[in-house]
Each structure stands twice: as structure tokens, then as C-alpha cells.
């Protein structure tokens, strides 16, 4: 299954993580890669549900897997007003302390789990698309090990 459409509920966050685990297993990621992809998708979907779609169950979160050579890319899109990512999105130094305030924490976590993270605002239809990418290799992003 390379696509998934979920209502904007907190139950969808867990369903998205389980979907990501199945994708990781089918794509040959090791245990660490599986965990990192699952958690990154979980955080991105939580942002889409809570901030993008404002927990409106009439709005949806769309997930799409794209496999490109040795890379996996998961797109997470909301169809709400979109969320405004914090400064954590553009922080160039990944070794800098993580902002643990309630707003922006998910983005900081995602940045440490994947080696590609982009956020694009859509105007038609409105919303935000987040791309999470990682190589199928076993190394943690930016040379960091799993803690």
C-alpha cells in the first residue's frame, strides 16, 4: 500500500505510524531505520491533524510513499489551513539544542530522524505537504547513532 488517507483524528496518528512500519519492512529498512521512519511519520501526521487540519474529522491527512532508487520519501499532506513550521525547520546546525516547547518539538524531532525534510504550503487545494526522506542504508542521519 503506497497511499493512505486518514481522517484528522488522534487515532490516525497511530494508524499512520503502523503504515510507516509496514512500508519500512517492505522496503528493507533495518530496525533502527524502521523506528526512525515510523516516529517521523507519526510526528508529521500529528502536526497535520492538530495544526494543519485543526482536528477537524471532516478534513483528511494524505500519506504517499515514493521510492526513488535507494531513497524512500513519504509525503504527508493536510487539507486544512496548513501549519506554520517553527524556526526548527530552517535550523542549519542539527547539533544545536532541541526546542522542547510544545510548539515546534515535533519538527525538531523529525529533523533528527530523517535526512530529508521539506515543508511546502499549497494554495490549491489549501494545506501543507511535508516530505520525509531517508536512504535505505543503516546509518543514522547526520552521523548520529540511535540513543
N, C-alpha and C. Protein backbone atom coordinates (compact mmCIF):
# COMPACT_ATOMS: atom_id res chain seq x y z
N UNK A 1 0.85 -1.18 0.00
CA UNK A 1 0.00 0.00 0.00
C UNK A 1 0.89 1.24 0.00
N UNK A 2 0.83 2.02 -1.08
CA UNK A 2 1.72 3.18 -1.14
C UNK A 2 0.99 4.49 -0.91
N UNK A 3 -0.30 4.43 -0.60
CA UNK A 3 -1.07 5.62 -0.26
C UNK A 3 -2.01 5.30 0.89
N UNK A 4 -2.28 6.33 1.68
CA UNK A 4 -3.20 6.18 2.80
C UNK A 4 -3.89 7.51 3.03
N UNK A 5 -5.19 7.48 3.23
CA UNK A 5 -5.98 8.68 3.51
C UNK A 5 -6.64 8.47 4.87
N UNK A 6 -6.41 9.39 5.79
CA UNK A 6 -6.89 9.25 7.15
C UNK A 6 -7.67 10.48 7.59
N UNK A 7 -8.71 10.29 8.42
CA UNK A 7 -9.41 11.46 8.98
C UNK A 7 -8.52 12.15 10.01
N UNK A 8 -8.80 13.39 10.27
CA UNK A 8 -7.98 14.17 11.21
C UNK A 8 -8.41 13.89 12.65
N UNK A 9 -8.02 12.71 13.12
CA UNK A 9 -8.26 12.31 14.50
C UNK A 9 -6.94 11.81 15.09
N UNK A 10 -6.86 11.79 16.40
CA UNK A 10 -5.63 11.31 17.02
C UNK A 10 -5.42 9.82 16.77
N UNK A 11 -6.49 9.05 16.56
CA UNK A 11 -6.34 7.63 16.22
C UNK A 11 -5.58 7.46 14.91
N UNK A 12 -5.68 8.43 14.04
CA UNK A 12 -4.99 8.36 12.76
C UNK A 12 -3.47 8.45 12.92
N UNK A 13 -3.01 9.07 13.98
CA UNK A 13 -1.58 9.20 14.21
C UNK A 13 -0.96 7.81 14.39
N UNK A 14 -1.61 6.98 15.18
CA UNK A 14 -1.12 5.62 15.39
C UNK A 14 -1.23 4.79 14.11
N UNK A 15 -2.33 4.94 13.40
CA UNK A 15 -2.52 4.20 12.14
C UNK A 15 -1.43 4.57 11.14
N UNK A 16 -1.05 5.84 11.10
CA UNK A 16 -0.01 6.28 10.17
C UNK A 16 1.34 5.68 10.55
N UNK A 17 1.63 5.62 11.84
CA UNK A 17 2.90 5.02 12.27
C UNK A 17 2.96 3.54 11.89
N UNK A 18 1.86 2.82 12.08
CA UNK A 18 1.82 1.41 11.70
C UNK A 18 1.99 1.24 10.19
N UNK A 19 1.39 2.14 9.41
CA UNK A 19 1.56 2.13 7.95
C UNK A 19 3.04 2.32 7.60
N UNK A 20 3.69 3.26 8.28
CA UNK A 20 5.11 3.53 8.02
C UNK A 20 5.96 2.32 8.37
N UNK A 21 5.63 1.61 9.44
CA UNK A 21 6.39 0.41 9.80
C UNK A 21 6.27 -0.65 8.70
N UNK A 22 5.06 -0.83 8.15
CA UNK A 22 4.87 -1.79 7.06
C UNK A 22 5.68 -1.39 5.83
N UNK A 23 5.68 -0.09 5.53
CA UNK A 23 6.47 0.43 4.40
C UNK A 23 7.96 0.15 4.65
N UNK A 24 8.42 0.43 5.86
CA UNK A 24 9.82 0.22 6.20
C UNK A 24 10.20 -1.25 6.06
N UNK A 25 9.36 -2.13 6.57
CA UNK A 25 9.63 -3.56 6.48
C UNK A 25 9.69 -4.01 5.03
N UNK A 26 8.73 -3.58 4.22
CA UNK A 26 8.68 -3.98 2.81
C UNK A 26 9.85 -3.40 2.01
N UNK A 27 10.40 -2.29 2.49
CA UNK A 27 11.48 -1.62 1.77
C UNK A 27 12.86 -2.05 2.23
N UNK A 28 12.92 -2.93 3.21
CA UNK A 28 14.20 -3.46 3.65
C UNK A 28 14.96 -2.59 4.64
N UNK A 29 14.29 -1.65 5.31
CA UNK A 29 14.99 -0.86 6.32
C UNK A 29 15.31 -1.76 7.52
N UNK A 30 16.43 -1.48 8.17
CA UNK A 30 16.76 -2.23 9.37
C UNK A 30 15.89 -1.73 10.54
N UNK A 31 16.07 -2.31 11.71
CA UNK A 31 15.24 -1.96 12.87
C UNK A 31 15.31 -0.49 13.25
N UNK A 32 16.52 0.08 13.20
CA UNK A 32 16.68 1.49 13.53
C UNK A 32 15.98 2.37 12.49
N UNK A 33 16.17 2.04 11.22
CA UNK A 33 15.51 2.80 10.15
C UNK A 33 14.00 2.71 10.25
N UNK A 34 13.50 1.52 10.57
CA UNK A 34 12.05 1.31 10.75
C UNK A 34 11.52 2.21 11.87
N UNK A 35 12.23 2.22 12.98
CA UNK A 35 11.82 3.04 14.12
C UNK A 35 11.84 4.53 13.77
N UNK A 36 12.94 4.97 13.13
CA UNK A 36 13.07 6.39 12.78
C UNK A 36 11.98 6.83 11.81
N UNK A 37 11.70 6.00 10.77
CA UNK A 37 10.67 6.37 9.81
C UNK A 37 9.30 6.40 10.48
N UNK A 38 9.00 5.39 11.30
CA UNK A 38 7.71 5.35 11.98
C UNK A 38 7.49 6.56 12.87
N UNK A 39 8.49 6.93 13.65
CA UNK A 39 8.35 8.08 14.55
C UNK A 39 8.26 9.39 13.78
N UNK A 40 9.03 9.53 12.71
CA UNK A 40 8.97 10.75 11.90
C UNK A 40 7.58 10.91 11.26
N UNK A 41 7.03 9.82 10.73
CA UNK A 41 5.69 9.87 10.15
C UNK A 41 4.66 10.19 11.23
N UNK A 42 4.80 9.58 12.39
CA UNK A 42 3.88 9.84 13.50
C UNK A 42 3.86 11.34 13.84
N UNK A 43 5.04 11.93 13.97
CA UNK A 43 5.13 13.35 14.32
C UNK A 43 4.55 14.24 13.21
N UNK A 44 4.85 13.90 11.95
CA UNK A 44 4.33 14.70 10.84
C UNK A 44 2.81 14.61 10.75
N UNK A 45 2.25 13.43 10.97
CA UNK A 45 0.79 13.28 10.93
C UNK A 45 0.16 13.98 12.12
N UNK A 46 0.78 13.92 13.29
CA UNK A 46 0.26 14.66 14.44
C UNK A 46 0.19 16.15 14.13
N UNK A 47 1.24 16.69 13.49
CA UNK A 47 1.21 18.11 13.10
C UNK A 47 0.09 18.39 12.11
N UNK A 48 -0.08 17.48 11.13
CA UNK A 48 -1.12 17.67 10.12
C UNK A 48 -2.50 17.65 10.76
N UNK A 49 -2.74 16.72 11.68
CA UNK A 49 -4.04 16.60 12.35
C UNK A 49 -4.29 17.81 13.25
N UNK A 50 -3.35 18.09 14.14
CA UNK A 50 -3.57 19.11 15.17
C UNK A 50 -3.43 20.54 14.65
N UNK A 51 -2.38 20.79 13.87
CA UNK A 51 -2.10 22.16 13.46
C UNK A 51 -2.63 22.49 12.07
N UNK A 52 -2.49 21.55 11.14
CA UNK A 52 -2.95 21.80 9.77
C UNK A 52 -4.46 21.75 9.66
N UNK A 53 -5.04 20.65 10.11
CA UNK A 53 -6.49 20.45 9.96
C UNK A 53 -7.28 20.80 11.21
N UNK A 54 -6.60 21.26 12.24
CA UNK A 54 -7.25 21.69 13.49
C UNK A 54 -8.19 20.62 14.05
N UNK A 55 -7.77 19.35 13.94
CA UNK A 55 -8.52 18.20 14.45
C UNK A 55 -9.93 18.09 13.91
N UNK A 56 -10.16 18.62 12.73
CA UNK A 56 -11.47 18.54 12.08
C UNK A 56 -11.58 17.18 11.39
N UNK A 57 -12.43 16.25 11.91
CA UNK A 57 -12.51 14.91 11.31
C UNK A 57 -13.09 14.91 9.90
N UNK A 58 -13.63 16.04 9.46
CA UNK A 58 -14.11 16.17 8.09
C UNK A 58 -13.00 16.49 7.11
N UNK A 59 -11.82 16.77 7.63
CA UNK A 59 -10.64 17.01 6.79
C UNK A 59 -9.73 15.80 6.90
N UNK A 60 -8.85 15.66 5.93
CA UNK A 60 -8.05 14.44 5.86
C UNK A 60 -6.56 14.71 5.82
N UNK A 61 -5.82 13.67 6.16
CA UNK A 61 -4.37 13.65 6.04
C UNK A 61 -4.06 12.57 5.00
N UNK A 62 -3.30 12.95 3.98
CA UNK A 62 -2.93 12.02 2.92
C UNK A 62 -1.46 11.67 3.03
N UNK A 63 -1.17 10.38 2.99
CA UNK A 63 0.21 9.90 3.00
C UNK A 63 0.48 9.19 1.69
N UNK A 64 1.68 9.39 1.19
CA UNK A 64 2.07 8.77 -0.07
C UNK A 64 3.53 8.38 0.00
N UNK A 65 3.82 7.16 -0.38
CA UNK A 65 5.19 6.68 -0.43
C UNK A 65 5.72 6.83 -1.83
N UNK A 66 6.95 7.33 -1.95
CA UNK A 66 7.65 7.39 -3.23
C UNK A 66 9.01 6.73 -3.02
N UNK A 67 9.29 5.70 -3.80
CA UNK A 67 10.59 5.04 -3.74
C UNK A 67 11.38 5.50 -4.96
N UNK A 68 12.55 6.05 -4.70
CA UNK A 68 13.39 6.58 -5.77
C UNK A 68 14.80 6.05 -5.57
N UNK A 69 15.11 4.96 -6.29
CA UNK A 69 16.42 4.34 -6.14
C UNK A 69 16.60 3.83 -4.73
N UNK A 70 17.65 4.30 -4.06
CA UNK A 70 17.91 3.84 -2.70
C UNK A 70 17.25 4.72 -1.64
N UNK A 71 16.34 5.59 -2.06
CA UNK A 71 15.69 6.52 -1.14
C UNK A 71 14.20 6.23 -1.00
N UNK A 72 13.71 6.44 0.20
CA UNK A 72 12.27 6.41 0.48
C UNK A 72 11.85 7.83 0.79
N UNK A 73 10.73 8.23 0.24
CA UNK A 73 10.16 9.54 0.55
C UNK A 73 8.70 9.32 0.92
N UNK A 74 8.31 9.87 2.05
CA UNK A 74 6.92 9.83 2.47
C UNK A 74 6.41 11.26 2.48
N UNK A 75 5.33 11.48 1.74
CA UNK A 75 4.68 12.80 1.71
C UNK A 75 3.48 12.75 2.65
N UNK A 76 3.38 13.75 3.50
CA UNK A 76 2.26 13.88 4.43
C UNK A 76 1.60 15.22 4.14
N UNK A 77 0.35 15.17 3.69
CA UNK A 77 -0.36 16.40 3.33
C UNK A 77 -1.62 16.58 4.14
N UNK A 78 -1.87 17.81 4.56
CA UNK A 78 -3.14 18.12 5.20
C UNK A 78 -3.97 18.95 4.24
N UNK A 79 -5.26 19.04 4.49
CA UNK A 79 -6.09 19.88 3.63
C UNK A 79 -6.78 20.97 4.43
N UNK A 80 -6.10 21.39 5.49
CA UNK A 80 -6.59 22.49 6.30
C UNK A 80 -5.91 23.78 5.89
N UNK A 81 -5.75 24.64 6.84
CA UNK A 81 -5.10 25.91 6.58
C UNK A 81 -3.59 25.75 6.50
N UNK A 82 -3.12 24.55 6.85
CA UNK A 82 -1.69 24.32 6.86
C UNK A 82 -1.09 24.74 8.19
N UNK A 83 0.01 24.12 8.54
CA UNK A 83 0.68 24.54 9.77
C UNK A 83 1.86 25.41 9.40
N UNK A 84 2.22 26.29 10.29
CA UNK A 84 3.37 27.15 10.08
C UNK A 84 4.52 26.56 10.86
N UNK A 85 5.49 26.00 10.18
CA UNK A 85 6.59 25.36 10.91
C UNK A 85 7.40 26.39 11.68
N UNK A 86 7.94 25.95 12.79
CA UNK A 86 8.75 26.84 13.63
C UNK A 86 10.12 27.03 13.00
N UNK A 87 10.94 27.77 13.68
CA UNK A 87 12.30 28.01 13.21
C UNK A 87 13.10 26.72 13.16
N UNK A 88 12.60 25.66 13.81
CA UNK A 88 13.31 24.38 13.80
C UNK A 88 13.45 23.83 12.39
N UNK A 89 12.57 24.21 11.49
CA UNK A 89 12.63 23.71 10.12
C UNK A 89 13.89 24.20 9.42
N UNK A 90 14.26 25.42 9.64
CA UNK A 90 15.38 26.01 8.91
C UNK A 90 16.68 26.03 9.70
N UNK A 91 16.70 25.44 10.88
CA UNK A 91 17.91 25.49 11.69
C UNK A 91 19.02 24.69 11.01
N UNK A 92 20.12 25.32 10.62
CA UNK A 92 21.17 24.61 9.89
C UNK A 92 22.01 23.69 10.76
N UNK A 93 22.14 23.97 12.04
CA UNK A 93 23.00 23.19 12.92
C UNK A 93 22.17 22.16 13.66
N UNK A 94 22.26 20.91 13.24
CA UNK A 94 21.46 19.85 13.85
C UNK A 94 21.99 19.46 15.22
N UNK A 95 23.15 19.97 15.60
CA UNK A 95 23.69 19.67 16.92
C UNK A 95 23.20 20.67 17.95
N UNK A 96 22.55 21.74 17.49
CA UNK A 96 22.05 22.76 18.42
C UNK A 96 20.98 22.14 19.31
N UNK A 97 20.83 22.67 20.51
CA UNK A 97 19.81 22.12 21.41
C UNK A 97 18.42 22.13 20.76
N UNK A 98 17.66 21.11 21.04
CA UNK A 98 16.31 20.98 20.50
C UNK A 98 15.36 21.83 21.35
N UNK A 99 14.50 22.58 20.68
CA UNK A 99 13.47 23.35 21.37
C UNK A 99 12.42 22.37 21.87
N UNK A 100 12.28 22.24 23.18
CA UNK A 100 11.34 21.29 23.74
C UNK A 100 10.03 21.94 24.17
N UNK A 101 9.77 23.15 23.72
CA UNK A 101 8.48 23.76 24.00
C UNK A 101 7.42 23.00 23.21
N UNK A 102 6.16 23.04 23.64
CA UNK A 102 5.12 22.27 22.96
C UNK A 102 5.00 22.58 21.47
N UNK A 103 5.26 23.80 21.07
CA UNK A 103 5.16 24.16 19.67
C UNK A 103 6.53 24.05 19.02
N UNK A 104 6.66 23.21 18.01
CA UNK A 104 7.92 23.07 17.31
C UNK A 104 8.71 21.85 17.70
N UNK A 105 8.32 21.17 18.77
CA UNK A 105 9.05 20.00 19.23
C UNK A 105 9.01 18.88 18.19
N UNK A 106 7.84 18.63 17.59
CA UNK A 106 7.71 17.56 16.59
C UNK A 106 8.61 17.78 15.40
N UNK A 107 8.69 19.01 14.94
CA UNK A 107 9.55 19.34 13.79
C UNK A 107 11.01 19.09 14.15
N UNK A 108 11.42 19.47 15.35
CA UNK A 108 12.81 19.25 15.77
C UNK A 108 13.11 17.76 15.84
N UNK A 109 12.17 16.98 16.31
CA UNK A 109 12.36 15.53 16.39
C UNK A 109 12.48 14.95 14.98
N UNK A 110 11.59 15.35 14.10
CA UNK A 110 11.62 14.85 12.72
C UNK A 110 12.97 15.13 12.08
N UNK A 111 13.48 16.35 12.26
CA UNK A 111 14.76 16.74 11.65
C UNK A 111 15.89 15.81 12.07
N UNK A 112 15.82 15.28 13.27
CA UNK A 112 16.88 14.39 13.76
C UNK A 112 16.70 12.95 13.31
N UNK A 113 15.50 12.61 12.83
CA UNK A 113 15.21 11.22 12.46
C UNK A 113 15.43 10.92 10.98
N UNK A 114 15.23 11.91 10.12
CA UNK A 114 15.33 11.69 8.68
C UNK A 114 16.43 12.57 8.10
N UNK A 115 16.88 12.23 6.91
CA UNK A 115 17.95 13.05 6.31
C UNK A 115 17.43 14.01 5.25
N UNK A 116 16.11 14.01 5.06
CA UNK A 116 15.48 14.98 4.16
C UNK A 116 14.16 15.39 4.78
N UNK A 117 13.95 16.69 4.88
CA UNK A 117 12.71 17.21 5.46
C UNK A 117 12.39 18.53 4.78
N UNK A 118 11.28 18.57 4.06
CA UNK A 118 10.85 19.82 3.43
C UNK A 118 9.39 20.06 3.77
N UNK A 119 9.05 21.32 3.81
CA UNK A 119 7.68 21.75 4.08
C UNK A 119 7.28 22.71 2.98
N UNK A 120 6.16 22.42 2.32
CA UNK A 120 5.66 23.26 1.24
C UNK A 120 4.20 23.60 1.51
N UNK A 121 3.89 24.89 1.45
CA UNK A 121 2.50 25.32 1.56
C UNK A 121 1.83 25.20 0.21
N UNK A 122 0.62 24.65 0.18
CA UNK A 122 -0.19 24.57 -1.04
C UNK A 122 -1.24 25.65 -0.96
N UNK A 123 -1.60 26.15 -2.14
CA UNK A 123 -2.69 27.13 -2.18
C UNK A 123 -3.94 26.52 -2.80
N UNK A 124 -3.76 25.62 -3.76
CA UNK A 124 -4.90 24.98 -4.40
C UNK A 124 -4.63 23.50 -4.52
N UNK A 125 -5.27 22.67 -3.76
CA UNK A 125 -6.10 22.96 -2.61
C UNK A 125 -5.23 23.46 -1.46
N UNK A 126 -5.82 24.14 -0.50
CA UNK A 126 -5.02 24.68 0.60
C UNK A 126 -4.47 23.56 1.48
N UNK A 127 -3.37 23.84 2.11
CA UNK A 127 -2.78 22.88 3.03
C UNK A 127 -1.27 22.93 3.00
N UNK A 128 -0.68 21.93 3.60
CA UNK A 128 0.77 21.81 3.69
C UNK A 128 1.17 20.40 3.30
N UNK A 129 2.28 20.26 2.60
CA UNK A 129 2.84 18.96 2.29
C UNK A 129 4.24 18.90 2.91
N UNK A 130 4.44 17.89 3.72
CA UNK A 130 5.73 17.63 4.35
C UNK A 130 6.33 16.41 3.67
N UNK A 131 7.60 16.50 3.28
CA UNK A 131 8.29 15.35 2.69
C UNK A 131 9.36 14.89 3.68
N UNK A 132 9.31 13.59 4.00
CA UNK A 132 10.28 12.95 4.86
C UNK A 132 11.06 11.97 4.00
N UNK A 133 12.37 12.11 3.95
CA UNK A 133 13.15 11.22 3.11
C UNK A 133 14.30 10.61 3.87
N UNK A 134 14.60 9.37 3.50
CA UNK A 134 15.76 8.71 4.09
C UNK A 134 16.30 7.65 3.15
N UNK A 135 17.60 7.45 3.22
CA UNK A 135 18.24 6.40 2.44
C UNK A 135 17.94 5.06 3.09
N UNK A 136 17.98 4.01 2.29
CA UNK A 136 17.73 2.67 2.82
C UNK A 136 18.91 2.14 3.62
N UNK A 137 20.03 2.86 3.63
CA UNK A 137 21.20 2.44 4.41
C UNK A 137 20.89 2.43 5.90
N UNK A 138 21.83 1.99 6.68
CA UNK A 138 21.59 1.82 8.11
C UNK A 138 22.09 2.98 8.96
N UNK A 139 22.86 3.91 8.39
CA UNK A 139 23.42 4.99 9.20
C UNK A 139 22.34 5.98 9.60
N UNK A 140 22.42 6.44 10.84
CA UNK A 140 21.51 7.48 11.30
C UNK A 140 21.86 8.77 10.59
N UNK A 141 20.88 9.69 10.43
CA UNK A 141 21.16 10.94 9.72
C UNK A 141 22.22 11.76 10.44
N UNK A 142 23.00 12.46 9.65
CA UNK A 142 23.99 13.41 10.14
C UNK A 142 25.04 12.74 11.02
N UNK A 143 25.25 11.43 10.81
CA UNK A 143 26.30 10.72 11.52
C UNK A 143 25.98 10.41 12.98
N UNK A 144 24.74 10.60 13.41
CA UNK A 144 24.38 10.35 14.80
C UNK A 144 23.92 8.92 14.95
N UNK A 145 24.22 8.30 16.03
CA UNK A 145 23.71 6.98 16.34
C UNK A 145 22.38 7.07 17.04
N UNK A 146 21.69 5.96 17.13
CA UNK A 146 20.40 5.90 17.84
C UNK A 146 20.67 5.89 19.34
N UNK A 147 19.89 6.68 20.07
CA UNK A 147 20.08 6.73 21.53
C UNK A 147 18.90 6.12 22.23
